[in-house]
Amino acid sequence: MNIKIIGAGCEDCNKLYANAWSALVRSGKDAELERVEDLIEMVKLGVMTTPAVMIDGKLVISGRVAGEDEILKILNK
């Protein structure tokens, strides 16, 4: 599983990354968690509103900071 946290590194992006990390640890799943902060890469991924979460190439959250519990539910689907 590949999880991308997409955003320019602002406070909201950092909070979303922290929530995703905590949710990933709680899930017990083996996944790669990475940040995408490059604007050109964001556009290539098709993300127009940040912060965002992409899991295995699918945009699942965009334009808001999702909580740890919400991300955990998505990971457990």
C-alpha atoms as a PDB file:
ATOM      1  CA  MET A   1       0.000   0.000   0.000  1.00  0.00           C
ATOM      2  CA  ASN A   2       1.231   3.472  -0.877  1.00  0.00           C
ATOM      3  CA  ILE A   3      -0.145   6.521   0.928  1.00  0.00           C
ATOM      4  CA  LYS A   4       0.681  10.005  -0.286  1.00  0.00           C
ATOM      5  CA  ILE A   5       0.054  13.127   1.772  1.00  0.00           C
ATOM      6  CA  ILE A   6      -0.122  15.931  -0.758  1.00  0.00           C
ATOM      7  CA  GLY A   7       0.436  19.566   0.132  1.00  0.00           C
ATOM      8  CA  ALA A   8       2.985  22.333   0.285  1.00  0.00           C
ATOM      9  CA  GLY A   9       4.142  21.599   3.824  1.00  0.00           C
ATOM     10  CA  CYS A  10       1.841  24.031   5.612  1.00  0.00           C
ATOM     11  CA  GLU A  11       0.494  23.494   9.131  1.00  0.00           C
ATOM     12  CA  ASP A  12      -2.612  21.698   7.812  1.00  0.00           C
ATOM     13  CA  CYS A  13      -0.466  19.393   5.669  1.00  0.00           C
ATOM     14  CA  ASN A  14       1.735  18.570   8.647  1.00  0.00           C
ATOM     15  CA  LYS A  15      -1.325  17.799  10.790  1.00  0.00           C
ATOM     16  CA  LEU A  16      -2.765  15.552   8.075  1.00  0.00           C
ATOM     17  CA  TYR A  17       0.559  13.708   7.815  1.00  0.00           C
ATOM     18  CA  ALA A  18       0.612  13.185  11.593  1.00  0.00           C
ATOM     19  CA  ASN A  19      -2.982  11.910  11.557  1.00  0.00           C
ATOM     20  CA  ALA A  20      -2.198   9.545   8.674  1.00  0.00           C
ATOM     21  CA  TRP A  21       0.905   8.239  10.451  1.00  0.00           C
ATOM     22  CA  SER A  22      -1.035   7.558  13.659  1.00  0.00           C
ATOM     23  CA  ALA A  23      -3.854   5.861  11.721  1.00  0.00           C
ATOM     24  CA  LEU A  24      -1.346   3.707   9.846  1.00  0.00           C
ATOM     25  CA  VAL A  25       0.321   2.602  13.084  1.00  0.00           C
ATOM     26  CA  ARG A  26      -3.075   1.797  14.637  1.00  0.00           C
ATOM     27  CA  SER A  27      -4.123  -0.191  11.564  1.00  0.00           C
ATOM     28  CA  GLY A  28      -1.092  -2.467  11.741  1.00  0.00           C
ATOM     29  CA  LYS A  29      -0.887  -2.436   7.941  1.00  0.00           C
ATOM     30  CA  ASP A  30       2.366  -2.450   6.015  1.00  0.00           C
ATOM     31  CA  ALA A  31       2.416   0.685   3.874  1.00  0.00           C
ATOM     32  CA  GLU A  32       4.693   3.360   2.550  1.00  0.00           C
ATOM     33  CA  LEU A  33       3.736   6.849   3.759  1.00  0.00           C
ATOM     34  CA  GLU A  34       5.193   9.692   1.750  1.00  0.00           C
ATOM     35  CA  ARG A  35       4.833  13.431   1.308  1.00  0.00           C
ATOM     36  CA  VAL A  36       4.364  15.142  -2.022  1.00  0.00           C
ATOM     37  CA  GLU A  37       5.234  18.822  -1.696  1.00  0.00           C
ATOM     38  CA  ASP A  38       6.307  19.636  -5.261  1.00  0.00           C
ATOM     39  CA  LEU A  39       3.668  21.683  -7.126  1.00  0.00           C
ATOM     40  CA  ILE A  40       4.401  20.068 -10.492  1.00  0.00           C
ATOM     41  CA  GLU A  41       4.067  16.594  -8.967  1.00  0.00           C
ATOM     42  CA  MET A  42       0.761  17.598  -7.357  1.00  0.00           C
ATOM     43  CA  VAL A  43      -0.591  18.684 -10.743  1.00  0.00           C
ATOM     44  CA  LYS A  44       0.634  15.445 -12.349  1.00  0.00           C
ATOM     45  CA  LEU A  45      -1.316  13.532  -9.692  1.00  0.00           C
ATOM     46  CA  GLY A  46      -4.419  15.572 -10.521  1.00  0.00           C
ATOM     47  CA  VAL A  47      -4.686  17.214  -7.106  1.00  0.00           C
ATOM     48  CA  MET A  48      -6.069  20.738  -7.236  1.00  0.00           C
ATOM     49  CA  THR A  49      -6.980  21.260  -3.576  1.00  0.00           C
ATOM     50  CA  THR A  50      -4.661  20.512  -0.691  1.00  0.00           C
ATOM     51  CA  PRO A  51      -4.088  19.034   1.749  1.00  0.00           C
ATOM     52  CA  ALA A  52      -4.999  15.700   0.227  1.00  0.00           C
ATOM     53  CA  VAL A  53      -4.568  11.971   0.741  1.00  0.00           C
ATOM     54  CA  MET A  54      -4.020   9.511  -2.074  1.00  0.00           C
ATOM     55  CA  ILE A  55      -3.988   5.765  -1.444  1.00  0.00           C
ATOM     56  CA  ASP A  56      -2.655   3.473  -4.158  1.00  0.00           C
ATOM     57  CA  GLY A  57      -3.235   6.167  -6.776  1.00  0.00           C
ATOM     58  CA  LYS A  58      -6.806   6.983  -5.718  1.00  0.00           C
ATOM     59  CA  LEU A  59      -7.603  10.413  -4.262  1.00  0.00           C
ATOM     60  CA  VAL A  60      -9.602   9.736  -1.082  1.00  0.00           C
ATOM     61  CA  ILE A  61      -9.467  13.085   0.755  1.00  0.00           C
ATOM     62  CA  SER A  62      -8.971  16.558  -0.684  1.00  0.00           C
ATOM     63  CA  GLY A  63      -9.089  20.097   0.646  1.00  0.00           C
ATOM     64  CA  ARG A  64      -9.275  19.356   4.365  1.00  0.00           C
ATOM     65  CA  VAL A  65      -7.501  17.837   7.334  1.00  0.00           C
ATOM     66  CA  ALA A  66      -9.051  14.449   8.004  1.00  0.00           C
ATOM     67  CA  GLY A  67      -8.926  13.096  11.515  1.00  0.00           C
ATOM     68  CA  GLU A  68      -7.044   9.986  12.543  1.00  0.00           C
ATOM     69  CA  ASP A  69     -10.244   7.944  12.973  1.00  0.00           C
ATOM     70  CA  GLU A  70     -11.506   8.844   9.495  1.00  0.00           C
ATOM     71  CA  ILE A  71      -8.212   7.847   7.915  1.00  0.00           C
ATOM     72  CA  LEU A  72      -8.196   4.606   9.896  1.00  0.00           C
ATOM     73  CA  LYS A  73     -11.644   3.726   8.516  1.00  0.00           C
ATOM     74  CA  ILE A  74     -10.402   4.319   4.979  1.00  0.00           C
ATOM     75  CA  LEU A  75      -7.325   2.164   5.577  1.00  0.00           C
ATOM     76  CA  ASN A  76      -9.436  -0.679   6.939  1.00  0.00           C
ATOM     77  CA  LYS A  77     -11.787  -0.808   3.928  1.00  0.00           C
END
